[in-house]
Amino acid sequence: MELAKKYDLLKLTVQLEFSNRKDEVESQKEFAALCQMAVEKFLGEAGPEYVVDKFFDKKTQTGALIFDAEHLNHIWAALTLQGSYLDSRISIQMKKIESVQQMFQEL
């Protein structure tokens, strides 16, 4: 089964891992800033549109972005290439990809 059709929305859940365990993202707002920095750095200001999910789990350092399915490769590449944040090495790991329409159908 195809994950998403060309015009579907996807929700990409990622987990942040810092080289220095003392470093972490403190809030959804800071997570959104990290995502914006990565997308603009690698794709420019005209990069694909996305929305950062309002829920960010500080304990697990997990957050999500929602965007058109056709932009998955671009968004994921920008996040993956973001190797540092606030003078700390960072790894951004993909945890889950879901079709947003699929999520609503399950409710």
C-alpha atoms as a PDB file:
ATOM      1  CA  MET A   1       0.000   0.000   0.000  1.00  0.00           C
ATOM      2  CA  GLU A   2       1.305   3.430  -0.913  1.00  0.00           C
ATOM      3  CA  LEU A   3       2.063   5.554   2.173  1.00  0.00           C
ATOM      4  CA  ALA A   4       0.585   8.715   0.766  1.00  0.00           C
ATOM      5  CA  LYS A   5      -0.751  10.044  -2.482  1.00  0.00           C
ATOM      6  CA  LYS A   6       0.809  13.080  -4.093  1.00  0.00           C
ATOM      7  CA  TYR A   7      -1.443  15.596  -2.316  1.00  0.00           C
ATOM      8  CA  ASP A   8      -1.774  13.931   1.071  1.00  0.00           C
ATOM      9  CA  LEU A   9      -0.375  15.446   4.222  1.00  0.00           C
ATOM     10  CA  LEU A  10       2.257  13.557   6.180  1.00  0.00           C
ATOM     11  CA  LYS A  11       3.213  13.780   9.827  1.00  0.00           C
ATOM     12  CA  LEU A  12       6.915  13.104  10.399  1.00  0.00           C
ATOM     13  CA  THR A  13       7.823  12.368  14.014  1.00  0.00           C
ATOM     14  CA  VAL A  14      11.486  12.803  14.900  1.00  0.00           C
ATOM     15  CA  GLN A  15      13.642  12.436  17.983  1.00  0.00           C
ATOM     16  CA  LEU A  16      16.582  14.699  18.801  1.00  0.00           C
ATOM     17  CA  GLU A  17      19.788  13.283  20.218  1.00  0.00           C
ATOM     18  CA  PHE A  18      22.589  15.579  21.377  1.00  0.00           C
ATOM     19  CA  SER A  19      26.248  14.583  21.717  1.00  0.00           C
ATOM     20  CA  ASN A  20      26.293  16.310  25.096  1.00  0.00           C
ATOM     21  CA  ARG A  21      23.499  14.763  27.156  1.00  0.00           C
ATOM     22  CA  LYS A  22      23.131  18.009  29.119  1.00  0.00           C
ATOM     23  CA  ASP A  23      21.952  19.824  25.979  1.00  0.00           C
ATOM     24  CA  GLU A  24      18.312  19.596  25.001  1.00  0.00           C
ATOM     25  CA  VAL A  25      15.505  21.489  23.350  1.00  0.00           C
ATOM     26  CA  GLU A  26      13.360  23.058  26.059  1.00  0.00           C
ATOM     27  CA  SER A  27      10.035  23.663  24.289  1.00  0.00           C
ATOM     28  CA  GLN A  28       7.902  23.298  21.176  1.00  0.00           C
ATOM     29  CA  LYS A  29       8.882  26.854  20.253  1.00  0.00           C
ATOM     30  CA  GLU A  30      12.589  25.986  20.355  1.00  0.00           C
ATOM     31  CA  PHE A  31      11.926  22.774  18.376  1.00  0.00           C
ATOM     32  CA  ALA A  32      10.128  24.864  15.731  1.00  0.00           C
ATOM     33  CA  ALA A  33      13.126  27.233  15.581  1.00  0.00           C
ATOM     34  CA  LEU A  34      15.493  24.280  15.070  1.00  0.00           C
ATOM     35  CA  CYS A  35      13.323  22.953  12.220  1.00  0.00           C
ATOM     36  CA  GLN A  36      13.096  26.393  10.614  1.00  0.00           C
ATOM     37  CA  MET A  37      16.864  26.837  10.842  1.00  0.00           C
ATOM     38  CA  ALA A  38      17.473  23.463   9.160  1.00  0.00           C
ATOM     39  CA  VAL A  39      14.968  24.005   6.347  1.00  0.00           C
ATOM     40  CA  GLU A  40      16.172  27.541   5.594  1.00  0.00           C
ATOM     41  CA  LYS A  41      19.842  26.541   5.787  1.00  0.00           C
ATOM     42  CA  PHE A  42      19.544  23.770   3.211  1.00  0.00           C
ATOM     43  CA  LEU A  43      16.476  24.720   1.166  1.00  0.00           C
ATOM     44  CA  GLY A  44      16.429  28.515   1.453  1.00  0.00           C
ATOM     45  CA  GLU A  45      13.578  30.785   2.420  1.00  0.00           C
ATOM     46  CA  ALA A  46      11.521  29.392  -0.454  1.00  0.00           C
ATOM     47  CA  GLY A  47      11.665  25.853   0.971  1.00  0.00           C
ATOM     48  CA  PRO A  48       8.521  23.755   1.337  1.00  0.00           C
ATOM     49  CA  GLU A  49       5.806  24.827   3.742  1.00  0.00           C
ATOM     50  CA  TYR A  50       5.301  22.801   6.898  1.00  0.00           C
ATOM     51  CA  VAL A  51       3.667  23.098  10.302  1.00  0.00           C
ATOM     52  CA  VAL A  52       5.316  22.053  13.533  1.00  0.00           C
ATOM     53  CA  ASP A  53       2.940  19.976  15.659  1.00  0.00           C
ATOM     54  CA  LYS A  54       2.030  21.775  18.883  1.00  0.00           C
ATOM     55  CA  PHE A  55       3.080  18.802  21.009  1.00  0.00           C
ATOM     56  CA  PHE A  56       6.771  18.454  21.842  1.00  0.00           C
ATOM     57  CA  ASP A  57       7.885  15.915  24.452  1.00  0.00           C
ATOM     58  CA  LYS A  58      10.789  17.465  26.327  1.00  0.00           C
ATOM     59  CA  LYS A  59      11.577  14.245  28.196  1.00  0.00           C
ATOM     60  CA  THR A  60      12.019  12.130  25.051  1.00  0.00           C
ATOM     61  CA  GLN A  61      13.017  15.089  22.830  1.00  0.00           C
ATOM     62  CA  THR A  62      10.339  14.064  20.313  1.00  0.00           C
ATOM     63  CA  GLY A  63       8.403  16.377  18.010  1.00  0.00           C
ATOM     64  CA  ALA A  64       6.607  16.282  14.678  1.00  0.00           C
ATOM     65  CA  LEU A  65       6.178  18.238  11.466  1.00  0.00           C
ATOM     66  CA  ILE A  66       3.208  18.148   9.085  1.00  0.00           C
ATOM     67  CA  PHE A  67       3.649  18.865   5.365  1.00  0.00           C
ATOM     68  CA  ASP A  68       2.592  17.867   1.845  1.00  0.00           C
ATOM     69  CA  ALA A  69       3.727  14.328   1.052  1.00  0.00           C
ATOM     70  CA  GLU A  70       5.623  15.497  -2.021  1.00  0.00           C
ATOM     71  CA  HIS A  71       8.070  17.366   0.267  1.00  0.00           C
ATOM     72  CA  LEU A  72       9.053  14.405   2.452  1.00  0.00           C
ATOM     73  CA  ASN A  73      12.499  13.954   0.897  1.00  0.00           C
ATOM     74  CA  HIS A  74      13.344  17.656   1.109  1.00  0.00           C
ATOM     75  CA  ILE A  75      12.214  18.097   4.721  1.00  0.00           C
ATOM     76  CA  TRP A  76      13.904  14.901   5.872  1.00  0.00           C
ATOM     77  CA  ALA A  77      17.149  15.777   4.063  1.00  0.00           C
ATOM     78  CA  ALA A  78      17.264  19.234   5.661  1.00  0.00           C
ATOM     79  CA  LEU A  79      16.707  17.802   9.151  1.00  0.00           C
ATOM     80  CA  THR A  80      19.250  15.029   8.624  1.00  0.00           C
ATOM     81  CA  LEU A  81      21.939  17.411   7.396  1.00  0.00           C
ATOM     82  CA  GLN A  82      21.506  19.695  10.415  1.00  0.00           C
ATOM     83  CA  GLY A  83      24.526  18.411  12.311  1.00  0.00           C
ATOM     84  CA  SER A  84      24.678  20.977  15.088  1.00  0.00           C
ATOM     85  CA  TYR A  85      22.465  23.185  17.205  1.00  0.00           C
ATOM     86  CA  LEU A  86      23.621  25.809  19.712  1.00  0.00           C
ATOM     87  CA  ASP A  87      27.259  24.649  19.618  1.00  0.00           C
ATOM     88  CA  SER A  88      26.361  20.999  20.194  1.00  0.00           C
ATOM     89  CA  ARG A  89      26.409  18.068  17.755  1.00  0.00           C
ATOM     90  CA  ILE A  90      22.900  16.781  17.077  1.00  0.00           C
ATOM     91  CA  SER A  91      21.370  13.754  15.408  1.00  0.00           C
ATOM     92  CA  ILE A  92      17.753  13.901  14.248  1.00  0.00           C
ATOM     93  CA  GLN A  93      16.244  10.435  14.002  1.00  0.00           C
ATOM     94  CA  MET A  94      13.067   9.521  12.162  1.00  0.00           C
ATOM     95  CA  LYS A  95      10.614   7.727  14.448  1.00  0.00           C
ATOM     96  CA  LYS A  96       7.395   7.553  12.425  1.00  0.00           C
ATOM     97  CA  ILE A  97       5.722   8.748   9.228  1.00  0.00           C
ATOM     98  CA  GLU A  98       1.927   8.846   9.124  1.00  0.00           C
ATOM     99  CA  SER A  99      -0.614  10.026   6.598  1.00  0.00           C
ATOM    100  CA  VAL A 100      -2.669  12.756   8.280  1.00  0.00           C
ATOM    101  CA  GLN A 101      -5.839  11.653   6.450  1.00  0.00           C
ATOM    102  CA  GLN A 102      -5.229   8.123   7.716  1.00  0.00           C
ATOM    103  CA  MET A 103      -5.029   9.422  11.282  1.00  0.00           C
ATOM    104  CA  PHE A 104      -8.421  11.151  10.964  1.00  0.00           C
ATOM    105  CA  GLN A 105     -10.041   8.040   9.492  1.00  0.00           C
ATOM    106  CA  GLU A 106      -8.962   6.025  12.526  1.00  0.00           C
ATOM    107  CA  LEU A 107     -10.749   8.411  14.941  1.00  0.00           C
END
